[in-house]
Amino acid sequence: MNLNKVFLIGRIATDIEMRSTPAGQNVSTFSLVTNRKWKDKSGQMQEDSQFHRIVLWNRLAEIASQFLSKGSLVMIEGRIQNRNWEGKDGVKRYTTEIIGESMQMGPKGQGGETLKQQEKQDDDIPVIEDGDEIDIKDIPF
């Protein structure tokens, strides 16, 4: 059995670029950033950010370019694809992309909300670390 499936939840890090292929198919590309926070052995909080190139096709591309913008929270479900090509300079280039097959948009931000304010809201969400004990009374539903 083979499986190539990825789920990413993060914020859009670049403006969404929308274009059409010569055959008339719409395609949107953008960068999505995901963050990971953890405590190191000394108890200090650490953070790592990963950037993912997202490619959306057809109606999904249209929806993303119409309703999403830099800083928007989004969940992308798709597959990983590796491509290579030869650049104009003759050098072989490689890239890894996430081909989005479905998308769920996060809550719409308040009009003038900045990316920093949105990230602060993300910090308000409790983080459960590996190995932390979970008390059933702490679950809000």
N, C-alpha and C. Protein backbone atom coordinates (compact mmCIF):
# COMPACT_ATOMS: atom_id res chain seq x y z
N MET A 1 0.84 -1.17 0.00
CA MET A 1 0.00 0.00 0.00
C MET A 1 0.89 1.24 0.00
N ASN A 2 0.51 2.27 -0.76
CA ASN A 2 1.24 3.53 -0.83
C ASN A 2 0.31 4.66 -0.42
N LEU A 3 0.88 5.68 0.20
CA LEU A 3 0.09 6.84 0.61
C LEU A 3 0.95 8.08 0.56
N ASN A 4 0.48 9.10 -0.10
CA ASN A 4 1.14 10.40 -0.17
C ASN A 4 0.10 11.43 0.23
N LYS A 5 0.01 11.73 1.52
CA LYS A 5 -1.02 12.63 2.04
C LYS A 5 -0.39 13.54 3.08
N VAL A 6 -0.72 14.83 3.01
CA VAL A 6 -0.19 15.79 3.97
C VAL A 6 -1.32 16.72 4.41
N PHE A 7 -1.32 17.07 5.69
CA PHE A 7 -2.22 18.06 6.26
C PHE A 7 -1.36 19.15 6.86
N LEU A 8 -1.57 20.39 6.46
CA LEU A 8 -0.83 21.52 7.01
C LEU A 8 -1.82 22.57 7.49
N ILE A 9 -1.57 23.10 8.67
CA ILE A 9 -2.35 24.22 9.19
C ILE A 9 -1.34 25.32 9.49
N GLY A 10 -1.50 26.45 8.86
CA GLY A 10 -0.56 27.54 9.06
C GLY A 10 -1.09 28.83 8.49
N ARG A 11 -0.20 29.81 8.42
CA ARG A 11 -0.56 31.13 7.91
C ARG A 11 0.11 31.36 6.56
N ILE A 12 -0.60 32.05 5.69
CA ILE A 12 -0.07 32.37 4.38
C ILE A 12 1.03 33.42 4.56
N ALA A 13 2.22 33.12 4.04
CA ALA A 13 3.40 33.95 4.26
C ALA A 13 3.71 34.89 3.10
N THR A 14 3.10 34.68 1.94
CA THR A 14 3.37 35.52 0.78
C THR A 14 2.05 35.88 0.10
N ASP A 15 2.10 36.86 -0.75
CA ASP A 15 0.92 37.16 -1.55
C ASP A 15 0.62 35.97 -2.45
N ILE A 16 -0.66 35.73 -2.69
CA ILE A 16 -1.07 34.62 -3.54
C ILE A 16 -0.89 35.04 -5.00
N GLU A 17 -0.18 34.21 -5.75
CA GLU A 17 0.05 34.49 -7.18
C GLU A 17 -0.91 33.62 -7.99
N MET A 18 -1.78 34.27 -8.76
CA MET A 18 -2.78 33.55 -9.57
C MET A 18 -2.42 33.75 -11.04
N ARG A 19 -2.45 32.67 -11.81
CA ARG A 19 -2.20 32.76 -13.24
C ARG A 19 -2.97 31.65 -13.94
N SER A 20 -2.95 31.66 -15.25
CA SER A 20 -3.62 30.63 -16.03
C SER A 20 -2.61 29.93 -16.93
N THR A 21 -2.82 28.64 -17.14
CA THR A 21 -1.97 27.90 -18.06
C THR A 21 -2.42 28.20 -19.48
N PRO A 22 -1.61 27.87 -20.49
CA PRO A 22 -2.04 28.07 -21.88
C PRO A 22 -3.34 27.33 -22.20
N ALA A 23 -3.61 26.25 -21.48
CA ALA A 23 -4.84 25.49 -21.70
C ALA A 23 -6.05 26.10 -20.97
N GLY A 24 -5.81 27.19 -20.21
CA GLY A 24 -6.91 27.88 -19.54
C GLY A 24 -7.18 27.43 -18.11
N GLN A 25 -6.33 26.59 -17.55
CA GLN A 25 -6.52 26.17 -16.15
C GLN A 25 -5.94 27.22 -15.22
N ASN A 26 -6.69 27.55 -14.15
CA ASN A 26 -6.19 28.49 -13.15
C ASN A 26 -5.28 27.76 -12.17
N VAL A 27 -4.20 28.44 -11.77
CA VAL A 27 -3.29 27.89 -10.78
C VAL A 27 -2.84 29.02 -9.86
N SER A 28 -2.88 28.75 -8.55
CA SER A 28 -2.41 29.71 -7.55
C SER A 28 -1.26 29.09 -6.79
N THR A 29 -0.27 29.91 -6.46
CA THR A 29 0.85 29.46 -5.65
C THR A 29 1.08 30.46 -4.53
N PHE A 30 1.51 29.95 -3.39
CA PHE A 30 1.87 30.80 -2.26
C PHE A 30 2.70 30.00 -1.28
N SER A 31 3.27 30.68 -0.33
CA SER A 31 4.07 30.04 0.71
C SER A 31 3.25 30.00 1.99
N LEU A 32 3.25 28.86 2.65
CA LEU A 32 2.54 28.66 3.91
C LEU A 32 3.58 28.40 4.99
N VAL A 33 3.46 29.08 6.12
CA VAL A 33 4.41 28.88 7.22
C VAL A 33 3.72 28.12 8.35
N THR A 34 4.41 27.09 8.84
CA THR A 34 3.94 26.35 10.01
C THR A 34 4.99 26.52 11.10
N ASN A 35 4.53 26.66 12.34
CA ASN A 35 5.42 26.88 13.47
C ASN A 35 5.32 25.71 14.44
N ARG A 36 6.44 25.40 15.04
CA ARG A 36 6.48 24.35 16.08
C ARG A 36 7.16 24.95 17.29
N LYS A 37 6.55 24.79 18.46
CA LYS A 37 7.12 25.30 19.71
C LYS A 37 7.32 24.14 20.66
N TRP A 38 8.42 24.18 21.39
CA TRP A 38 8.71 23.14 22.38
C TRP A 38 9.67 23.69 23.42
N LYS A 39 9.77 22.98 24.52
CA LYS A 39 10.74 23.33 25.56
C LYS A 39 11.94 22.41 25.42
N ASP A 40 13.12 23.01 25.44
CA ASP A 40 14.33 22.20 25.37
C ASP A 40 14.64 21.59 26.73
N LYS A 41 15.74 20.87 26.83
CA LYS A 41 16.08 20.18 28.08
C LYS A 41 16.25 21.12 29.25
N SER A 42 16.64 22.37 28.97
CA SER A 42 16.83 23.35 30.05
C SER A 42 15.53 24.09 30.38
N GLY A 43 14.45 23.76 29.70
CA GLY A 43 13.16 24.40 29.98
C GLY A 43 12.89 25.67 29.19
N GLN A 44 13.80 26.03 28.29
CA GLN A 44 13.64 27.23 27.47
C GLN A 44 12.72 26.93 26.29
N MET A 45 11.81 27.87 25.99
CA MET A 45 10.94 27.70 24.84
C MET A 45 11.75 27.87 23.56
N GLN A 46 11.54 26.97 22.63
CA GLN A 46 12.18 27.02 21.32
C GLN A 46 11.09 27.09 20.27
N GLU A 47 11.41 27.66 19.12
CA GLU A 47 10.44 27.75 18.03
C GLU A 47 11.14 27.50 16.72
N ASP A 48 10.44 26.78 15.84
CA ASP A 48 10.96 26.50 14.51
C ASP A 48 9.86 26.79 13.51
N SER A 49 10.19 27.50 12.44
CA SER A 49 9.22 27.80 11.38
C SER A 49 9.65 27.10 10.11
N GLN A 50 8.69 26.48 9.43
CA GLN A 50 8.94 25.81 8.16
C GLN A 50 8.06 26.46 7.10
N PHE A 51 8.62 26.69 5.94
CA PHE A 51 7.88 27.29 4.83
C PHE A 51 7.61 26.23 3.77
N HIS A 52 6.36 26.18 3.30
CA HIS A 52 5.93 25.17 2.34
C HIS A 52 5.37 25.87 1.11
N ARG A 53 5.76 25.41 -0.07
CA ARG A 53 5.22 25.96 -1.32
C ARG A 53 3.93 25.22 -1.63
N ILE A 54 2.83 25.97 -1.73
CA ILE A 54 1.52 25.39 -1.97
C ILE A 54 1.09 25.71 -3.40
N VAL A 55 0.53 24.71 -4.09
CA VAL A 55 0.02 24.89 -5.45
C VAL A 55 -1.44 24.42 -5.44
N LEU A 56 -2.35 25.30 -5.88
CA LEU A 56 -3.77 24.98 -5.98
C LEU A 56 -4.21 25.13 -7.42
N TRP A 57 -5.11 24.27 -7.86
CA TRP A 57 -5.57 24.28 -9.25
C TRP A 57 -7.06 24.58 -9.35
N ASN A 58 -7.43 25.13 -10.50
CA ASN A 58 -8.82 25.33 -10.93
C ASN A 58 -9.65 26.12 -9.92
N ARG A 59 -10.81 25.59 -9.52
CA ARG A 59 -11.71 26.35 -8.64
C ARG A 59 -11.08 26.64 -7.28
N LEU A 60 -10.30 25.69 -6.76
CA LEU A 60 -9.62 25.91 -5.49
C LEU A 60 -8.65 27.09 -5.59
N ALA A 61 -7.98 27.21 -6.72
CA ALA A 61 -7.07 28.34 -6.96
C ALA A 61 -7.84 29.66 -6.98
N GLU A 62 -8.99 29.67 -7.61
CA GLU A 62 -9.82 30.88 -7.67
C GLU A 62 -10.29 31.29 -6.29
N ILE A 63 -10.76 30.33 -5.50
CA ILE A 63 -11.27 30.63 -4.15
C ILE A 63 -10.15 31.19 -3.28
N ALA A 64 -8.98 30.57 -3.33
CA ALA A 64 -7.85 31.03 -2.53
C ALA A 64 -7.47 32.46 -2.89
N SER A 65 -7.38 32.75 -4.18
CA SER A 65 -6.96 34.09 -4.58
C SER A 65 -8.02 35.14 -4.27
N GLN A 66 -9.28 34.73 -4.19
CA GLN A 66 -10.37 35.67 -3.91
C GLN A 66 -10.52 35.94 -2.41
N PHE A 67 -10.37 34.90 -1.57
CA PHE A 67 -10.71 35.05 -0.16
C PHE A 67 -9.54 35.03 0.81
N LEU A 68 -8.37 34.63 0.38
CA LEU A 68 -7.22 34.54 1.28
C LEU A 68 -6.20 35.62 0.96
N SER A 69 -5.42 35.99 1.96
CA SER A 69 -4.35 36.96 1.76
C SER A 69 -3.24 36.66 2.76
N LYS A 70 -2.15 37.37 2.63
CA LYS A 70 -1.01 37.18 3.51
C LYS A 70 -1.47 37.29 4.96
N GLY A 71 -1.10 36.31 5.78
CA GLY A 71 -1.49 36.30 7.18
C GLY A 71 -2.72 35.45 7.48
N SER A 72 -3.47 35.05 6.45
CA SER A 72 -4.68 34.24 6.66
C SER A 72 -4.32 32.85 7.18
N LEU A 73 -5.14 32.36 8.11
CA LEU A 73 -4.99 31.01 8.62
C LEU A 73 -5.72 30.05 7.69
N VAL A 74 -5.08 28.95 7.33
CA VAL A 74 -5.69 28.01 6.38
C VAL A 74 -5.18 26.59 6.65
N MET A 75 -6.03 25.62 6.38
CA MET A 75 -5.61 24.22 6.43
C MET A 75 -5.62 23.70 4.99
N ILE A 76 -4.54 23.09 4.60
CA ILE A 76 -4.40 22.51 3.27
C ILE A 76 -4.24 21.00 3.42
N GLU A 77 -5.03 20.26 2.66
CA GLU A 77 -4.88 18.81 2.58
C GLU A 77 -4.44 18.52 1.15
N GLY A 78 -3.39 17.74 1.01
CA GLY A 78 -2.92 17.46 -0.34
C GLY A 78 -1.86 16.39 -0.36
N ARG A 79 -0.97 16.51 -1.36
CA ARG A 79 0.09 15.52 -1.54
C ARG A 79 1.40 16.24 -1.82
N ILE A 80 2.49 15.58 -1.54
CA ILE A 80 3.83 16.12 -1.77
C ILE A 80 4.26 15.75 -3.18
N GLN A 81 4.81 16.73 -3.88
CA GLN A 81 5.30 16.49 -5.24
C GLN A 81 6.68 17.11 -5.40
N ASN A 82 7.60 16.36 -5.94
CA ASN A 82 8.94 16.87 -6.26
C ASN A 82 9.02 17.09 -7.76
N ARG A 83 9.60 18.22 -8.15
CA ARG A 83 9.77 18.52 -9.58
C ARG A 83 11.21 18.97 -9.82
N ASN A 84 11.65 18.82 -11.06
CA ASN A 84 12.93 19.40 -11.45
C ASN A 84 12.81 19.93 -12.87
N TRP A 85 13.66 20.90 -13.19
CA TRP A 85 13.68 21.50 -14.51
C TRP A 85 15.05 22.14 -14.72
N GLU A 86 15.32 22.47 -15.94
CA GLU A 86 16.57 23.15 -16.25
C GLU A 86 16.30 24.63 -16.42
N GLY A 87 17.01 25.45 -15.65
CA GLY A 87 16.84 26.90 -15.71
C GLY A 87 17.42 27.49 -16.98
N LYS A 88 17.12 28.77 -17.20
CA LYS A 88 17.64 29.46 -18.39
C LYS A 88 19.16 29.48 -18.42
N ASP A 89 19.76 29.38 -17.23
CA ASP A 89 21.22 29.38 -17.13
C ASP A 89 21.82 27.99 -17.32
N GLY A 90 20.98 26.98 -17.60
CA GLY A 90 21.45 25.63 -17.84
C GLY A 90 21.62 24.80 -16.58
N VAL A 91 21.33 25.39 -15.41
CA VAL A 91 21.48 24.67 -14.14
C VAL A 91 20.19 23.93 -13.82
N LYS A 92 20.32 22.67 -13.40
CA LYS A 92 19.15 21.88 -13.04
C LYS A 92 18.64 22.37 -11.68
N ARG A 93 17.35 22.62 -11.59
CA ARG A 93 16.72 23.12 -10.36
C ARG A 93 15.73 22.07 -9.84
N TYR A 94 15.53 22.10 -8.52
CA TYR A 94 14.64 21.15 -7.86
C TYR A 94 13.71 21.92 -6.91
N THR A 95 12.50 21.40 -6.74
CA THR A 95 11.59 21.98 -5.76
C THR A 95 10.67 20.90 -5.23
N THR A 96 10.20 21.11 -4.02
CA THR A 96 9.20 20.25 -3.40
C THR A 96 7.99 21.12 -3.13
N GLU A 97 6.83 20.64 -3.56
CA GLU A 97 5.59 21.42 -3.43
C GLU A 97 4.52 20.57 -2.77
N ILE A 98 3.54 21.24 -2.19
CA ILE A 98 2.33 20.59 -1.71
C ILE A 98 1.24 20.92 -2.72
N ILE A 99 0.71 19.91 -3.37
CA ILE A 99 -0.40 20.09 -4.31
C ILE A 99 -1.68 19.97 -3.49
N GLY A 100 -2.37 21.09 -3.31
CA GLY A 100 -3.57 21.11 -2.49
C GLY A 100 -4.73 20.43 -3.19
N GLU A 101 -5.40 19.55 -2.46
CA GLU A 101 -6.57 18.85 -2.99
C GLU A 101 -7.84 19.32 -2.29
N SER A 102 -7.70 19.86 -1.08
CA SER A 102 -8.81 20.50 -0.39
C SER A 102 -8.25 21.56 0.54
N MET A 103 -9.11 22.49 0.94
CA MET A 103 -8.67 23.62 1.72
C MET A 103 -9.79 24.02 2.68
N GLN A 104 -9.40 24.38 3.88
CA GLN A 104 -10.37 24.94 4.83
C GLN A 104 -9.80 26.25 5.34
N MET A 105 -10.56 27.31 5.13
CA MET A 105 -10.12 28.63 5.54
C MET A 105 -10.38 28.82 7.03
N GLY A 106 -9.48 29.53 7.69
CA GLY A 106 -9.63 29.83 9.11
C GLY A 106 -10.60 30.98 9.31
N PRO A 107 -10.78 31.40 10.56
CA PRO A 107 -11.71 32.50 10.83
C PRO A 107 -11.24 33.78 10.15
N LYS A 108 -12.19 34.56 9.70
CA LYS A 108 -11.87 35.83 9.05
C LYS A 108 -11.36 36.79 10.11
N GLY A 109 -10.20 37.40 9.86
CA GLY A 109 -9.61 38.34 10.81
C GLY A 109 -10.40 39.63 10.88
N GLN A 110 -10.20 40.36 11.96
CA GLN A 110 -10.84 41.67 12.11
C GLN A 110 -10.16 42.63 11.14
N GLY A 111 -10.93 43.49 10.50
CA GLY A 111 -10.46 44.40 9.46
C GLY A 111 -9.01 44.81 9.51
N GLY A 112 -8.57 45.53 10.55
CA GLY A 112 -7.21 46.07 10.60
C GLY A 112 -6.24 45.20 11.36
N GLU A 113 -6.58 43.96 11.58
CA GLU A 113 -5.74 43.07 12.37
C GLU A 113 -4.42 42.81 11.64
N THR A 114 -3.33 42.97 12.36
CA THR A 114 -2.02 42.74 11.77
C THR A 114 -1.60 41.28 11.97
N LEU A 115 -0.57 40.88 11.24
CA LEU A 115 -0.05 39.51 11.37
C LEU A 115 0.41 39.26 12.79
N LYS A 116 1.05 40.25 13.44
CA LYS A 116 1.51 40.10 14.83
C LYS A 116 0.33 39.84 15.76
N GLN A 117 -0.80 40.57 15.57
CA GLN A 117 -1.98 40.36 16.40
C GLN A 117 -2.54 38.97 16.18
N GLN A 118 -2.54 38.50 14.93
CA GLN A 118 -3.04 37.16 14.64
C GLN A 118 -2.15 36.12 15.29
N GLU A 119 -0.82 36.32 15.26
CA GLU A 119 0.10 35.38 15.88
C GLU A 119 -0.10 35.36 17.39
N LYS A 120 -0.41 36.51 17.99
CA LYS A 120 -0.68 36.59 19.43
C LYS A 120 -1.88 35.73 19.77
N GLN A 121 -2.93 35.76 18.92
CA GLN A 121 -4.09 34.93 19.16
C GLN A 121 -3.70 33.45 19.10
N ASP A 122 -2.81 33.09 18.21
CA ASP A 122 -2.34 31.71 18.14
C ASP A 122 -1.63 31.31 19.43
N ASP A 123 -0.89 32.28 20.05
CA ASP A 123 -0.19 32.00 21.29
C ASP A 123 -1.16 31.75 22.44
N ASP A 124 -2.38 32.26 22.34
CA ASP A 124 -3.39 32.06 23.39
C ASP A 124 -3.95 30.64 23.38
N ILE A 125 -3.73 29.91 22.29
CA ILE A 125 -4.20 28.53 22.21
C ILE A 125 -3.25 27.66 23.02
N PRO A 126 -3.77 26.90 24.01
CA PRO A 126 -2.87 26.09 24.83
C PRO A 126 -2.16 25.02 24.00
N VAL A 127 -0.90 24.81 24.31
CA VAL A 127 -0.10 23.81 23.62
C VAL A 127 0.10 22.62 24.55
N ILE A 128 -0.21 21.43 24.07
CA ILE A 128 -0.01 20.21 24.85
C ILE A 128 1.29 19.59 24.36
N GLU A 129 2.23 19.49 25.26
CA GLU A 129 3.54 18.95 24.92
C GLU A 129 3.50 17.42 24.98
N ASP A 130 4.40 16.77 24.25
CA ASP A 130 4.52 15.32 24.34
C ASP A 130 4.82 14.95 25.78
N GLY A 131 4.09 13.98 26.31
CA GLY A 131 4.34 13.52 27.66
C GLY A 131 3.56 14.28 28.73
N ASP A 132 2.90 15.41 28.38
CA ASP A 132 2.09 16.14 29.35
C ASP A 132 0.88 15.31 29.74
N GLU A 133 0.53 15.37 31.01
CA GLU A 133 -0.68 14.71 31.48
C GLU A 133 -1.87 15.56 31.10
N ILE A 134 -2.93 14.94 30.62
CA ILE A 134 -4.15 15.66 30.22
C ILE A 134 -5.23 15.30 31.21
N ASP A 135 -5.80 16.33 31.87
CA ASP A 135 -6.91 16.13 32.80
C ASP A 135 -8.19 16.33 32.01
N ILE A 136 -9.09 15.37 32.08
CA ILE A 136 -10.35 15.43 31.32
C ILE A 136 -11.13 16.69 31.65
N LYS A 137 -10.97 17.24 32.86
CA LYS A 137 -11.69 18.46 33.26
C LYS A 137 -11.18 19.69 32.49
N ASP A 138 -9.99 19.62 31.94
CA ASP A 138 -9.40 20.75 31.22
C ASP A 138 -9.86 20.83 29.77
N ILE A 139 -10.53 19.81 29.28
CA ILE A 139 -10.99 19.80 27.90
C ILE A 139 -12.26 20.64 27.83
N PRO A 140 -12.29 21.68 26.97
CA PRO A 140 -13.40 22.65 26.99
C PRO A 140 -14.69 22.20 26.31
N PHE A 141 -14.84 20.96 25.95
CA PHE A 141 -16.08 20.53 25.30
C PHE A 141 -16.54 19.22 25.87
